[in-house]
């Protein structure tokens, strides 16, 4: 058997997330369906992690195994000919036998986009932003500094996934230059994220930017380890998985 690594981009709006579901449309399900046509039987695909319903990706990584003898096979072209238009294989190639899309990941980067006009959101942006209204960027950046570093992020983990530890290292949270003055983009990089952690961190930062939380209250929430003390999870459509890093 040989192992193939894929890099995927998808618009998550019409998917019920990454993970295979018995009756719902998922990215993993569409990918396994296309591969089964090419390989003539069921194929299991492993992703770097689960993205929720409505969450997008530019750099999701996945792998699968197939019989030897397909070293020169045009995986990207063949899969894209079978996949629906809201998911595409950006890159495909052979991987080491011990490569694992999930367990080999060393860090991930997500981006969350906010829309700041109070009265409307452009129709072209509604699937890719959270229309949160005006915020104070300086207050948000101060909250981001509190949330950066190695911490127990239990207060920002939603239920649904068992993990051995809720300690993670957030290496950076930064605001990027956006295409429109009505929009802002925030990049989160870490050695790993808990369930819906980015959306919960973003919710806390926006609450701070709206003046509903102080920076000290953000610090208290983080130290509490209590999810009920933090703001609600923000909507999924503003979130995109940008990249996954492997190696030492």
C-alpha atoms as a PDB file:
ATOM      1  CA  UNK A   1       0.000   0.000   0.000  1.00  0.00           C
ATOM      2  CA  UNK A   2       1.086   3.580  -0.612  1.00  0.00           C
ATOM      3  CA  UNK A   3      -0.012   6.699   1.272  1.00  0.00           C
ATOM      4  CA  UNK A   4      -1.299   9.804  -0.473  1.00  0.00           C
ATOM      5  CA  UNK A   5      -1.400  13.250   1.130  1.00  0.00           C
ATOM      6  CA  UNK A   6      -3.993  15.817   0.024  1.00  0.00           C
ATOM      7  CA  UNK A   7      -4.369  19.536   0.666  1.00  0.00           C
ATOM      8  CA  UNK A   8      -7.985  20.651   0.372  1.00  0.00           C
ATOM      9  CA  UNK A   9      -9.932  23.870   0.071  1.00  0.00           C
ATOM     10  CA  UNK A  10     -13.662  24.063   0.613  1.00  0.00           C
ATOM     11  CA  UNK A  11     -16.534  26.418   1.263  1.00  0.00           C
ATOM     12  CA  UNK A  12     -18.206  25.005   4.348  1.00  0.00           C
ATOM     13  CA  UNK A  13     -21.613  26.674   3.967  1.00  0.00           C
ATOM     14  CA  UNK A  14     -23.450  23.668   2.561  1.00  0.00           C
ATOM     15  CA  UNK A  15     -21.513  20.994   4.439  1.00  0.00           C
ATOM     16  CA  UNK A  16     -22.360  19.519   7.840  1.00  0.00           C
ATOM     17  CA  UNK A  17     -18.682  19.785   8.717  1.00  0.00           C
ATOM     18  CA  UNK A  18     -15.726  17.599   7.809  1.00  0.00           C
ATOM     19  CA  UNK A  19     -16.567  14.360   9.598  1.00  0.00           C
ATOM     20  CA  UNK A  20     -18.510  11.593   7.894  1.00  0.00           C
ATOM     21  CA  UNK A  21     -22.203  11.501   8.874  1.00  0.00           C
ATOM     22  CA  UNK A  22     -24.683   8.728   8.026  1.00  0.00           C
ATOM     23  CA  UNK A  23     -27.263  10.997   6.392  1.00  0.00           C
ATOM     24  CA  UNK A  24     -25.681  14.467   6.070  1.00  0.00           C
ATOM     25  CA  UNK A  25     -23.401  15.944   3.440  1.00  0.00           C
ATOM     26  CA  UNK A  26     -19.804  16.253   4.677  1.00  0.00           C
ATOM     27  CA  UNK A  27     -16.404  16.996   3.155  1.00  0.00           C
ATOM     28  CA  UNK A  28     -15.013  13.622   4.197  1.00  0.00           C
ATOM     29  CA  UNK A  29     -18.053  11.910   2.689  1.00  0.00           C
ATOM     30  CA  UNK A  30     -17.680  13.658  -0.675  1.00  0.00           C
ATOM     31  CA  UNK A  31     -13.975  12.875  -0.787  1.00  0.00           C
ATOM     32  CA  UNK A  32     -14.459   9.198   0.076  1.00  0.00           C
ATOM     33  CA  UNK A  33     -17.209   8.933  -2.537  1.00  0.00           C
ATOM     34  CA  UNK A  34     -14.920  10.314  -5.260  1.00  0.00           C
ATOM     35  CA  UNK A  35     -12.041   8.062  -4.227  1.00  0.00           C
ATOM     36  CA  UNK A  36     -14.269   4.998  -4.250  1.00  0.00           C
ATOM     37  CA  UNK A  37     -15.073   5.710  -7.908  1.00  0.00           C
ATOM     38  CA  UNK A  38     -11.366   5.953  -8.779  1.00  0.00           C
ATOM     39  CA  UNK A  39     -10.249   2.936  -6.739  1.00  0.00           C
ATOM     40  CA  UNK A  40     -13.308   0.751  -7.227  1.00  0.00           C
ATOM     41  CA  UNK A  41     -14.139   0.259  -3.562  1.00  0.00           C
ATOM     42  CA  UNK A  42     -14.463   1.947  -0.159  1.00  0.00           C
ATOM     43  CA  UNK A  43     -11.620   4.224   0.931  1.00  0.00           C
ATOM     44  CA  UNK A  44     -11.122   5.761   4.380  1.00  0.00           C
ATOM     45  CA  UNK A  45      -9.774   9.313   4.441  1.00  0.00           C
ATOM     46  CA  UNK A  46      -8.149  10.788   7.561  1.00  0.00           C
ATOM     47  CA  UNK A  47      -8.211  14.561   8.078  1.00  0.00           C
ATOM     48  CA  UNK A  48      -5.999  16.809  10.181  1.00  0.00           C
ATOM     49  CA  UNK A  49      -9.040  17.690  12.263  1.00  0.00           C
ATOM     50  CA  UNK A  50     -12.772  18.230  12.192  1.00  0.00           C
ATOM     51  CA  UNK A  51     -14.175  21.497  10.938  1.00  0.00           C
ATOM     52  CA  UNK A  52     -17.733  22.282  12.023  1.00  0.00           C
ATOM     53  CA  UNK A  53     -20.765  22.954   9.850  1.00  0.00           C
ATOM     54  CA  UNK A  54     -20.296  26.229   8.002  1.00  0.00           C
ATOM     55  CA  UNK A  55     -16.529  26.462   8.606  1.00  0.00           C
ATOM     56  CA  UNK A  56     -14.298  26.862   5.549  1.00  0.00           C
ATOM     57  CA  UNK A  57     -10.789  25.680   4.670  1.00  0.00           C
ATOM     58  CA  UNK A  58      -7.937  26.760   2.435  1.00  0.00           C
ATOM     59  CA  UNK A  59      -5.381  24.287   3.776  1.00  0.00           C
ATOM     60  CA  UNK A  60      -7.093  21.238   5.252  1.00  0.00           C
ATOM     61  CA  UNK A  61      -4.765  18.233   5.074  1.00  0.00           C
ATOM     62  CA  UNK A  62      -5.879  14.623   4.654  1.00  0.00           C
ATOM     63  CA  UNK A  63      -4.407  11.253   3.730  1.00  0.00           C
ATOM     64  CA  UNK A  64      -5.543   7.862   2.467  1.00  0.00           C
ATOM     65  CA  UNK A  65      -3.941   4.573   1.491  1.00  0.00           C
ATOM     66  CA  UNK A  66      -4.233   2.879  -1.880  1.00  0.00           C
ATOM     67  CA  UNK A  67      -2.637  -0.113  -3.615  1.00  0.00           C
ATOM     68  CA  UNK A  68       0.908   0.258  -4.937  1.00  0.00           C
ATOM     69  CA  UNK A  69       1.503   1.028  -8.582  1.00  0.00           C
ATOM     70  CA  UNK A  70      -0.111   4.482  -8.794  1.00  0.00           C
ATOM     71  CA  UNK A  71       3.004   6.604  -8.332  1.00  0.00           C
ATOM     72  CA  UNK A  72       2.272   8.804 -11.356  1.00  0.00           C
ATOM     73  CA  UNK A  73      -1.503   8.917 -11.011  1.00  0.00           C
ATOM     74  CA  UNK A  74      -3.026  12.431 -11.469  1.00  0.00           C
ATOM     75  CA  UNK A  75      -4.862  12.516  -8.134  1.00  0.00           C
ATOM     76  CA  UNK A  76      -5.634  16.226  -8.131  1.00  0.00           C
ATOM     77  CA  UNK A  77      -7.099  16.340 -11.634  1.00  0.00           C
ATOM     78  CA  UNK A  78      -9.014  13.085 -11.225  1.00  0.00           C
ATOM     79  CA  UNK A  79     -10.519  13.977  -7.857  1.00  0.00           C
ATOM     80  CA  UNK A  80     -11.482  17.496  -8.905  1.00  0.00           C
ATOM     81  CA  UNK A  81     -13.313  16.046 -11.897  1.00  0.00           C
ATOM     82  CA  UNK A  82     -15.497  14.037  -9.494  1.00  0.00           C
ATOM     83  CA  UNK A  83     -15.844  16.399  -6.530  1.00  0.00           C
ATOM     84  CA  UNK A  84     -18.594  19.042  -6.250  1.00  0.00           C
ATOM     85  CA  UNK A  85     -17.537  22.658  -6.901  1.00  0.00           C
ATOM     86  CA  UNK A  86     -17.483  23.664  -3.213  1.00  0.00           C
ATOM     87  CA  UNK A  87     -14.510  21.388  -2.454  1.00  0.00           C
ATOM     88  CA  UNK A  88     -11.244  21.169  -4.359  1.00  0.00           C
ATOM     89  CA  UNK A  89      -7.954  19.296  -4.071  1.00  0.00           C
ATOM     90  CA  UNK A  90      -5.248  21.980  -4.117  1.00  0.00           C
ATOM     91  CA  UNK A  91      -2.298  19.586  -3.932  1.00  0.00           C
ATOM     92  CA  UNK A  92      -1.778  15.826  -3.921  1.00  0.00           C
ATOM     93  CA  UNK A  93       1.249  13.571  -3.734  1.00  0.00           C
ATOM     94  CA  UNK A  94       2.897  10.589  -2.113  1.00  0.00           C
ATOM     95  CA  UNK A  95       3.653  10.728   1.605  1.00  0.00           C
ATOM     96  CA  UNK A  96       5.854   8.681   3.887  1.00  0.00           C
ATOM     97  CA  UNK A  97       4.317   5.467   5.169  1.00  0.00           C
ATOM     98  CA  UNK A  98       4.230   6.868   8.708  1.00  0.00           C
ATOM     99  CA  UNK A  99       2.689  10.223   7.771  1.00  0.00           C
ATOM    100  CA  UNK A 100      -0.627  10.856   9.542  1.00  0.00           C
ATOM    101  CA  UNK A 101      -2.726  13.916   8.777  1.00  0.00           C
ATOM    102  CA  UNK A 102      -4.128  14.129  12.301  1.00  0.00           C
ATOM    103  CA  UNK A 103      -1.495  12.753  14.655  1.00  0.00           C
ATOM    104  CA  UNK A 104       1.471  14.264  12.807  1.00  0.00           C
ATOM    105  CA  UNK A 105       0.183  17.854  12.923  1.00  0.00           C
ATOM    106  CA  UNK A 106       2.438  20.184  14.937  1.00  0.00           C
ATOM    107  CA  UNK A 107       0.517  23.434  14.588  1.00  0.00           C
ATOM    108  CA  UNK A 108      -2.514  24.959  12.881  1.00  0.00           C
ATOM    109  CA  UNK A 109      -3.521  28.419  11.777  1.00  0.00           C
ATOM    110  CA  UNK A 110      -7.102  29.638  11.529  1.00  0.00           C
ATOM    111  CA  UNK A 111      -8.481  32.960  10.358  1.00  0.00           C
ATOM    112  CA  UNK A 112     -11.674  34.610  11.576  1.00  0.00           C
ATOM    113  CA  UNK A 113     -13.272  37.527   9.714  1.00  0.00           C
ATOM    114  CA  UNK A 114     -15.522  40.179  11.218  1.00  0.00           C
ATOM    115  CA  UNK A 115     -17.850  42.664   9.504  1.00  0.00           C
ATOM    116  CA  UNK A 116     -18.138  46.011  11.275  1.00  0.00           C
ATOM    117  CA  UNK A 117     -20.849  48.011   9.495  1.00  0.00           C
ATOM    118  CA  UNK A 118     -23.771  48.229  11.893  1.00  0.00           C
ATOM    119  CA  UNK A 119     -26.637  48.511   9.377  1.00  0.00           C
ATOM    120  CA  UNK A 120     -25.812  45.979   6.655  1.00  0.00           C
ATOM    121  CA  UNK A 121     -23.489  43.218   5.461  1.00  0.00           C
ATOM    122  CA  UNK A 122     -22.649  42.929   1.768  1.00  0.00           C
ATOM    123  CA  UNK A 123     -24.418  39.884   0.294  1.00  0.00           C
ATOM    124  CA  UNK A 124     -21.111  38.738  -1.216  1.00  0.00           C
ATOM    125  CA  UNK A 125     -19.529  38.560   2.257  1.00  0.00           C
ATOM    126  CA  UNK A 126     -22.368  37.125   4.345  1.00  0.00           C
ATOM    127  CA  UNK A 127     -21.119  33.513   4.052  1.00  0.00           C
ATOM    128  CA  UNK A 128     -17.591  34.445   5.152  1.00  0.00           C
ATOM    129  CA  UNK A 129     -17.930  36.941   8.013  1.00  0.00           C
ATOM    130  CA  UNK A 130     -19.669  37.476  11.321  1.00  0.00           C
ATOM    131  CA  UNK A 131     -21.450  40.837  11.220  1.00  0.00           C
ATOM    132  CA  UNK A 132     -20.568  41.821  14.776  1.00  0.00           C
ATOM    133  CA  UNK A 133     -20.734  45.607  14.313  1.00  0.00           C
ATOM    134  CA  UNK A 134     -18.214  48.243  15.475  1.00  0.00           C
ATOM    135  CA  UNK A 135     -15.438  47.245  17.884  1.00  0.00           C
ATOM    136  CA  UNK A 136     -12.404  48.828  19.512  1.00  0.00           C
ATOM    137  CA  UNK A 137      -9.372  47.122  17.942  1.00  0.00           C
ATOM    138  CA  UNK A 138      -6.998  48.244  20.702  1.00  0.00           C
ATOM    139  CA  UNK A 139      -9.139  46.575  23.346  1.00  0.00           C
ATOM    140  CA  UNK A 140      -9.363  43.404  21.231  1.00  0.00           C
ATOM    141  CA  UNK A 141      -5.594  43.337  20.751  1.00  0.00           C
ATOM    142  CA  UNK A 142      -5.086  43.759  24.505  1.00  0.00           C
ATOM    143  CA  UNK A 143      -7.366  40.754  25.085  1.00  0.00           C
ATOM    144  CA  UNK A 144      -5.422  38.820  22.444  1.00  0.00           C
ATOM    145  CA  UNK A 145      -2.188  39.387  24.355  1.00  0.00           C
ATOM    146  CA  UNK A 146      -3.769  37.868  27.479  1.00  0.00           C
ATOM    147  CA  UNK A 147      -4.875  34.807  25.486  1.00  0.00           C
ATOM    148  CA  UNK A 148      -1.503  34.246  23.792  1.00  0.00           C
ATOM    149  CA  UNK A 149       0.935  31.758  25.293  1.00  0.00           C
ATOM    150  CA  UNK A 150       0.657  28.419  27.080  1.00  0.00           C
ATOM    151  CA  UNK A 151      -2.536  28.226  29.135  1.00  0.00           C
ATOM    152  CA  UNK A 152      -5.245  25.860  30.236  1.00  0.00           C
ATOM    153  CA  UNK A 153      -8.010  26.793  27.767  1.00  0.00           C
ATOM    154  CA  UNK A 154     -10.791  24.777  29.418  1.00  0.00           C
ATOM    155  CA  UNK A 155     -12.923  27.944  29.617  1.00  0.00           C
ATOM    156  CA  UNK A 156     -12.871  28.092  25.809  1.00  0.00           C
ATOM    157  CA  UNK A 157     -13.642  24.443  25.027  1.00  0.00           C
ATOM    158  CA  UNK A 158     -17.143  23.327  24.100  1.00  0.00           C
ATOM    159  CA  UNK A 159     -18.333  19.875  25.070  1.00  0.00           C
ATOM    160  CA  UNK A 160     -18.217  17.002  22.619  1.00  0.00           C
ATOM    161  CA  UNK A 161     -14.616  15.816  22.399  1.00  0.00           C
ATOM    162  CA  UNK A 162     -12.626  13.968  25.060  1.00  0.00           C
ATOM    163  CA  UNK A 163      -9.045  15.209  25.363  1.00  0.00           C
ATOM    164  CA  UNK A 164      -6.262  14.243  27.722  1.00  0.00           C
ATOM    165  CA  UNK A 165      -5.360  17.842  28.468  1.00  0.00           C
ATOM    166  CA  UNK A 166      -6.894  21.253  27.839  1.00  0.00           C
ATOM    167  CA  UNK A 167      -3.491  22.981  27.923  1.00  0.00           C
ATOM    168  CA  UNK A 168      -2.507  24.497  24.577  1.00  0.00           C
ATOM    169  CA  UNK A 169       0.090  26.992  23.398  1.00  0.00           C
ATOM    170  CA  UNK A 170      -1.298  29.829  21.296  1.00  0.00           C
ATOM    171  CA  UNK A 171       1.759  31.180  19.511  1.00  0.00           C
ATOM    172  CA  UNK A 172       0.087  34.224  17.987  1.00  0.00           C
ATOM    173  CA  UNK A 173      -3.177  36.125  17.578  1.00  0.00           C
ATOM    174  CA  UNK A 174      -2.834  38.971  15.116  1.00  0.00           C
ATOM    175  CA  UNK A 175      -5.020  41.345  13.176  1.00  0.00           C
ATOM    176  CA  UNK A 176      -4.298  41.415   9.452  1.00  0.00           C
ATOM    177  CA  UNK A 177      -4.877  44.107   6.876  1.00  0.00           C
ATOM    178  CA  UNK A 178      -8.333  43.509   5.386  1.00  0.00           C
ATOM    179  CA  UNK A 179      -9.600  44.201   1.865  1.00  0.00           C
ATOM    180  CA  UNK A 180     -12.327  46.514   3.134  1.00  0.00           C
ATOM    181  CA  UNK A 181     -12.392  49.100   5.954  1.00  0.00           C
ATOM    182  CA  UNK A 182     -15.671  47.477   6.989  1.00  0.00           C
ATOM    183  CA  UNK A 183     -13.987  44.122   7.642  1.00  0.00           C
ATOM    184  CA  UNK A 184     -11.181  42.786   9.840  1.00  0.00           C
ATOM    185  CA  UNK A 185      -9.271  39.497   9.740  1.00  0.00           C
ATOM    186  CA  UNK A 186      -7.738  37.785  12.767  1.00  0.00           C
ATOM    187  CA  UNK A 187      -5.173  34.956  12.585  1.00  0.00           C
ATOM    188  CA  UNK A 188      -4.870  32.373  15.384  1.00  0.00           C
ATOM    189  CA  UNK A 189      -1.893  29.984  15.440  1.00  0.00           C
ATOM    190  CA  UNK A 190      -1.358  27.267  18.057  1.00  0.00           C
ATOM    191  CA  UNK A 191       0.075  23.813  18.624  1.00  0.00           C
ATOM    192  CA  UNK A 192      -3.520  22.614  18.688  1.00  0.00           C
ATOM    193  CA  UNK A 193      -7.065  23.834  19.334  1.00  0.00           C
ATOM    194  CA  UNK A 194      -9.845  22.461  21.495  1.00  0.00           C
ATOM    195  CA  UNK A 195     -13.392  22.016  20.195  1.00  0.00           C
ATOM    196  CA  UNK A 196     -14.619  25.396  18.858  1.00  0.00           C
ATOM    197  CA  UNK A 197     -11.788  27.110  20.739  1.00  0.00           C
ATOM    198  CA  UNK A 198     -11.055  29.715  18.043  1.00  0.00           C
ATOM    199  CA  UNK A 199     -14.718  30.740  17.859  1.00  0.00           C
ATOM    200  CA  UNK A 200     -14.807  31.045  21.653  1.00  0.00           C
ATOM    201  CA  UNK A 201     -11.594  33.081  21.807  1.00  0.00           C
ATOM    202  CA  UNK A 202     -12.980  35.352  19.098  1.00  0.00           C
ATOM    203  CA  UNK A 203     -16.208  35.795  21.053  1.00  0.00           C
ATOM    204  CA  UNK A 204     -14.267  36.854  24.124  1.00  0.00           C
ATOM    205  CA  UNK A 205     -12.156  39.310  22.138  1.00  0.00           C
ATOM    206  CA  UNK A 206     -15.219  40.855  20.457  1.00  0.00           C
ATOM    207  CA  UNK A 207     -16.957  41.208  23.838  1.00  0.00           C
ATOM    208  CA  UNK A 208     -13.890  43.083  25.011  1.00  0.00           C
ATOM    209  CA  UNK A 209     -13.900  45.193  21.824  1.00  0.00           C
ATOM    210  CA  UNK A 210     -17.553  46.087  22.416  1.00  0.00           C
ATOM    211  CA  UNK A 211     -16.802  47.179  25.981  1.00  0.00           C
ATOM    212  CA  UNK A 212     -18.780  44.327  27.524  1.00  0.00           C
ATOM    213  CA  UNK A 213     -15.679  42.778  29.123  1.00  0.00           C
ATOM    214  CA  UNK A 214     -12.542  44.344  30.512  1.00  0.00           C
ATOM    215  CA  UNK A 215      -9.095  42.913  29.814  1.00  0.00           C
ATOM    216  CA  UNK A 216      -8.888  41.868  33.460  1.00  0.00           C
ATOM    217  CA  UNK A 217     -12.181  39.997  33.122  1.00  0.00           C
ATOM    218  CA  UNK A 218     -10.721  38.148  30.122  1.00  0.00           C
ATOM    219  CA  UNK A 219      -7.792  37.159  32.314  1.00  0.00           C
ATOM    220  CA  UNK A 220     -10.188  35.965  35.028  1.00  0.00           C
ATOM    221  CA  UNK A 221     -12.214  33.881  32.564  1.00  0.00           C
ATOM    222  CA  UNK A 222      -9.036  32.223  31.253  1.00  0.00           C
ATOM    223  CA  UNK A 223      -7.853  31.399  34.776  1.00  0.00           C
ATOM    224  CA  UNK A 224     -11.257  30.053  35.832  1.00  0.00           C
ATOM    225  CA  UNK A 225     -11.289  27.047  33.480  1.00  0.00           C
ATOM    226  CA  UNK A 226     -15.095  27.414  33.498  1.00  0.00           C
ATOM    227  CA  UNK A 227     -16.799  27.550  30.099  1.00  0.00           C
ATOM    228  CA  UNK A 228     -19.945  29.117  31.588  1.00  0.00           C
ATOM    229  CA  UNK A 229     -18.016  32.285  32.482  1.00  0.00           C
ATOM    230  CA  UNK A 230     -17.061  33.070  28.859  1.00  0.00           C
ATOM    231  CA  UNK A 231     -19.218  34.595  26.097  1.00  0.00           C
ATOM    232  CA  UNK A 232     -21.212  32.409  23.723  1.00  0.00           C
ATOM    233  CA  UNK A 233     -19.618  30.677  20.742  1.00  0.00           C
ATOM    234  CA  UNK A 234     -19.606  32.963  17.711  1.00  0.00           C
ATOM    235  CA  UNK A 235     -21.033  31.878  14.309  1.00  0.00           C
ATOM    236  CA  UNK A 236     -19.055  29.426  12.140  1.00  0.00           C
ATOM    237  CA  UNK A 237     -19.080  31.198   8.783  1.00  0.00           C
ATOM    238  CA  UNK A 238     -16.337  33.670   9.699  1.00  0.00           C
ATOM    239  CA  UNK A 239     -13.834  30.867  10.337  1.00  0.00           C
ATOM    240  CA  UNK A 240     -11.366  29.338   7.850  1.00  0.00           C
ATOM    241  CA  UNK A 241      -8.669  26.717   8.432  1.00  0.00           C
ATOM    242  CA  UNK A 242      -5.665  28.315   6.733  1.00  0.00           C
ATOM    243  CA  UNK A 243      -2.836  25.826   7.164  1.00  0.00           C
ATOM    244  CA  UNK A 244      -1.505  22.791   9.039  1.00  0.00           C
ATOM    245  CA  UNK A 245       2.201  22.398   9.789  1.00  0.00           C
ATOM    246  CA  UNK A 246       4.015  19.048  10.090  1.00  0.00           C
ATOM    247  CA  UNK A 247       7.492  18.021  11.174  1.00  0.00           C
ATOM    248  CA  UNK A 248       9.644  18.934  14.136  1.00  0.00           C
END
